[in-house]
């Protein structure tokens, strides 16, 4: 049995082809110190044991046309592999965003698709309103039936830093990149 898993993320998250990455899974347990500043703010400062427990990741593919990359890692456990959505995404479809905003792990927010495919800074994206912050880039966007709708690549904020909207690369463009990678 091959114990290699693959992760799709935003190209700007990994930035360089020869970089080394550490991967954590749902089984990775935090070790370190948690500092609670107040009811809404806490910081986690990992210790050396935490970093030693992370898995080594390798860049397999960086898209030349889209803000996408594919990483691989070896893992002996069983992880759930998600399927891509097969139905066309439409305005007002319910979505769920999973990411790691501002150093927090596995934060989930909910929202709706706001508009159809358009170009933003050269990327073909779909706008949504599921709350996100810095650190959500490269995170998965799921439909209400837990299928991959896309990969988050950016968000917009007001001058005061309040969330306005998120942008994701939709599943069909992600699938095109996977096909290109497999044919290399």
Protein backbone atom coordinates (compact mmCIF):
# COMPACT_ATOMS: atom_id res chain seq x y z
CA UNK A 1 0.00 0.00 0.00
CA UNK A 2 1.35 3.42 -0.99
CA UNK A 3 1.24 5.81 1.94
CA UNK A 4 1.72 8.97 -0.14
CA UNK A 5 -0.91 11.70 0.15
CA UNK A 6 -1.25 14.85 -1.94
CA UNK A 7 -2.36 18.33 -0.94
CA UNK A 8 -3.57 21.08 -3.25
CA UNK A 9 -2.77 24.58 -2.05
CA UNK A 10 -2.12 28.08 -3.33
CA UNK A 11 1.15 28.59 -5.20
CA UNK A 12 1.91 31.77 -3.25
CA UNK A 13 1.82 29.75 -0.01
CA UNK A 14 4.73 27.55 -1.08
CA UNK A 15 6.47 30.23 -3.21
CA UNK A 16 9.65 28.34 -4.16
CA UNK A 17 10.12 24.96 -5.80
CA UNK A 18 13.09 23.89 -3.69
CA UNK A 19 11.63 24.80 -0.30
CA UNK A 20 11.13 22.28 2.50
CA UNK A 21 7.74 22.06 4.14
CA UNK A 22 6.36 20.53 7.28
CA UNK A 23 2.89 19.01 7.18
CA UNK A 24 0.55 18.44 10.07
CA UNK A 25 -2.49 16.21 9.98
CA UNK A 26 -5.57 16.00 12.13
CA UNK A 27 -3.57 13.54 14.28
CA UNK A 28 -0.76 16.02 14.97
CA UNK A 29 -0.93 17.06 18.61
CA UNK A 30 0.25 20.47 19.70
CA UNK A 31 3.05 20.58 22.23
CA UNK A 32 4.19 23.86 23.65
CA UNK A 33 2.79 26.76 25.58
CA UNK A 34 -0.59 28.44 25.13
CA UNK A 35 -0.77 32.06 26.23
CA UNK A 36 -4.27 33.46 26.75
CA UNK A 37 -4.29 37.25 26.37
CA UNK A 38 -8.05 37.60 26.87
CA UNK A 39 -11.28 35.71 26.10
CA UNK A 40 -10.85 36.18 22.34
CA UNK A 41 -7.07 36.06 21.88
CA UNK A 42 -4.74 33.16 22.51
CA UNK A 43 -1.27 32.42 21.17
CA UNK A 44 0.32 29.02 20.83
CA UNK A 45 4.10 28.87 21.03
CA UNK A 46 5.27 25.45 19.84
CA UNK A 47 8.23 23.70 21.39
CA UNK A 48 10.90 21.66 19.60
CA UNK A 49 8.97 18.38 20.06
CA UNK A 50 6.06 19.80 18.09
CA UNK A 51 8.21 20.60 15.04
CA UNK A 52 9.90 17.19 15.25
CA UNK A 53 6.46 15.53 15.06
CA UNK A 54 5.53 17.19 11.76
CA UNK A 55 5.77 15.30 8.46
CA UNK A 56 8.10 16.28 5.62
CA UNK A 57 6.32 17.73 2.58
CA UNK A 58 7.60 17.93 -0.97
CA UNK A 59 6.46 20.18 -3.83
CA UNK A 60 5.29 18.04 -6.75
CA UNK A 61 3.87 20.72 -9.05
CA UNK A 62 3.62 24.49 -9.34
CA UNK A 63 1.16 25.85 -11.90
CA UNK A 64 2.50 28.31 -14.43
CA UNK A 65 -0.96 29.78 -15.07
CA UNK A 66 -2.90 29.58 -11.78
CA UNK A 67 -2.15 30.26 -8.12
CA UNK A 68 -2.01 26.50 -7.38
CA UNK A 69 0.57 23.97 -6.21
CA UNK A 70 0.54 20.28 -5.29
CA UNK A 71 2.50 18.93 -2.32
CA UNK A 72 3.07 15.31 -1.28
CA UNK A 73 3.83 13.70 2.06
CA UNK A 74 4.13 10.20 3.50
CA UNK A 75 1.78 9.16 6.28
CA UNK A 76 1.18 5.71 7.75
CA UNK A 77 -2.35 6.43 8.99
CA UNK A 78 -5.61 6.60 7.08
CA UNK A 79 -6.71 10.07 6.04
CA UNK A 80 -9.98 10.94 4.36
CA UNK A 81 -9.49 11.95 0.74
CA UNK A 82 -12.12 14.37 -0.51
CA UNK A 83 -13.77 14.27 -3.93
CA UNK A 84 -14.29 17.22 -6.22
CA UNK A 85 -17.73 18.68 -6.79
CA UNK A 86 -19.27 17.43 -10.04
CA UNK A 87 -22.04 20.00 -10.34
CA UNK A 88 -21.60 23.53 -11.68
CA UNK A 89 -21.21 26.03 -8.86
CA UNK A 90 -23.90 28.71 -8.72
CA UNK A 91 -24.56 31.96 -6.90
CA UNK A 92 -25.91 31.35 -3.37
CA UNK A 93 -24.53 27.78 -3.13
CA UNK A 94 -23.62 27.13 0.51
CA UNK A 95 -19.92 26.65 1.22
CA UNK A 96 -17.59 25.91 4.11
CA UNK A 97 -14.02 27.25 4.32
CA UNK A 98 -11.37 25.41 6.32
CA UNK A 99 -8.09 27.12 7.00
CA UNK A 100 -5.50 28.26 9.48
CA UNK A 101 -6.03 32.03 9.76
CA UNK A 102 -3.53 34.01 11.78
CA UNK A 103 -1.85 30.87 13.13
CA UNK A 104 -5.04 29.20 14.37
CA UNK A 105 -5.51 25.60 13.27
CA UNK A 106 -8.57 24.15 11.55
CA UNK A 107 -10.89 27.14 11.71
CA UNK A 108 -14.17 26.64 9.85
CA UNK A 109 -16.41 29.38 8.50
CA UNK A 110 -19.56 29.24 6.39
CA UNK A 111 -20.95 31.36 3.61
CA UNK A 112 -22.28 31.49 0.07
CA UNK A 113 -20.88 31.83 -3.41
CA UNK A 114 -21.43 35.44 -4.48
CA UNK A 115 -20.65 35.47 -8.14
CA UNK A 116 -19.66 33.43 -11.14
CA UNK A 117 -16.17 32.97 -12.55
CA UNK A 118 -14.18 36.16 -13.18
CA UNK A 119 -10.53 37.24 -13.35
CA UNK A 120 -8.81 38.87 -10.38
CA UNK A 121 -5.11 39.72 -10.69
CA UNK A 122 -4.83 37.20 -13.55
CA UNK A 123 -6.46 34.28 -11.72
CA UNK A 124 -9.83 32.82 -12.72
CA UNK A 125 -11.74 32.96 -9.42
CA UNK A 126 -15.15 32.77 -7.82
CA UNK A 127 -16.05 35.30 -5.12
CA UNK A 128 -17.58 34.12 -1.82
CA UNK A 129 -18.51 35.56 1.57
CA UNK A 130 -17.24 32.86 3.98
CA UNK A 131 -15.12 34.76 6.50
CA UNK A 132 -11.38 34.39 6.13
CA UNK A 133 -8.19 36.13 7.23
CA UNK A 134 -4.48 35.93 6.46
CA UNK A 135 -3.58 32.24 6.68
CA UNK A 136 -6.66 30.96 4.84
CA UNK A 137 -4.81 31.06 1.50
CA UNK A 138 -4.46 27.57 0.09
CA UNK A 139 -7.26 26.23 2.27
CA UNK A 140 -10.09 24.14 0.92
CA UNK A 141 -13.59 25.41 0.14
CA UNK A 142 -16.24 22.68 0.44
CA UNK A 143 -19.81 22.44 -0.79
CA UNK A 144 -22.55 21.49 1.65
CA UNK A 145 -22.17 17.84 0.56
CA UNK A 146 -18.48 17.93 1.61
CA UNK A 147 -17.01 17.99 -1.90
CA UNK A 148 -14.19 20.29 -2.98
CA UNK A 149 -15.60 23.50 -4.49
CA UNK A 150 -12.21 25.17 -4.79
CA UNK A 151 -9.04 26.46 -3.15
CA UNK A 152 -8.91 29.86 -1.42
CA UNK A 153 -6.29 32.22 -2.79
CA UNK A 154 -7.14 35.66 -1.37
CA UNK A 155 -9.59 37.95 0.33
CA UNK A 156 -10.46 41.62 0.35
CA UNK A 157 -10.75 43.80 3.41
CA UNK A 158 -11.88 47.33 4.22
CA UNK A 159 -9.37 50.03 5.17
CA UNK A 160 -10.11 49.17 8.80
CA UNK A 161 -9.25 45.50 8.21
CA UNK A 162 -12.79 44.12 8.21
CA UNK A 163 -13.47 41.17 5.92
CA UNK A 164 -15.25 42.00 2.66
CA UNK A 165 -15.01 38.91 0.42
CA UNK A 166 -12.95 35.83 -0.39
CA UNK A 167 -11.75 34.45 -3.71
CA UNK A 168 -11.26 30.82 -4.62
CA UNK A 169 -10.00 28.99 -7.67
CA UNK A 170 -12.92 26.69 -8.59
CA UNK A 171 -12.69 22.90 -8.67
CA UNK A 172 -12.72 22.58 -12.47
CA UNK A 173 -9.59 24.73 -12.82
CA UNK A 174 -7.96 22.78 -9.98
CA UNK A 175 -8.78 19.55 -11.83
CA UNK A 176 -7.24 20.94 -15.05
CA UNK A 177 -4.01 21.59 -13.14
CA UNK A 178 -4.02 18.07 -11.69
CA UNK A 179 -4.40 16.63 -15.21
CA UNK A 180 -1.51 18.79 -16.44
CA UNK A 181 0.66 17.59 -13.52
CA UNK A 182 -0.17 13.93 -14.19
CA UNK A 183 0.75 14.35 -17.88
CA UNK A 184 4.16 15.86 -17.15
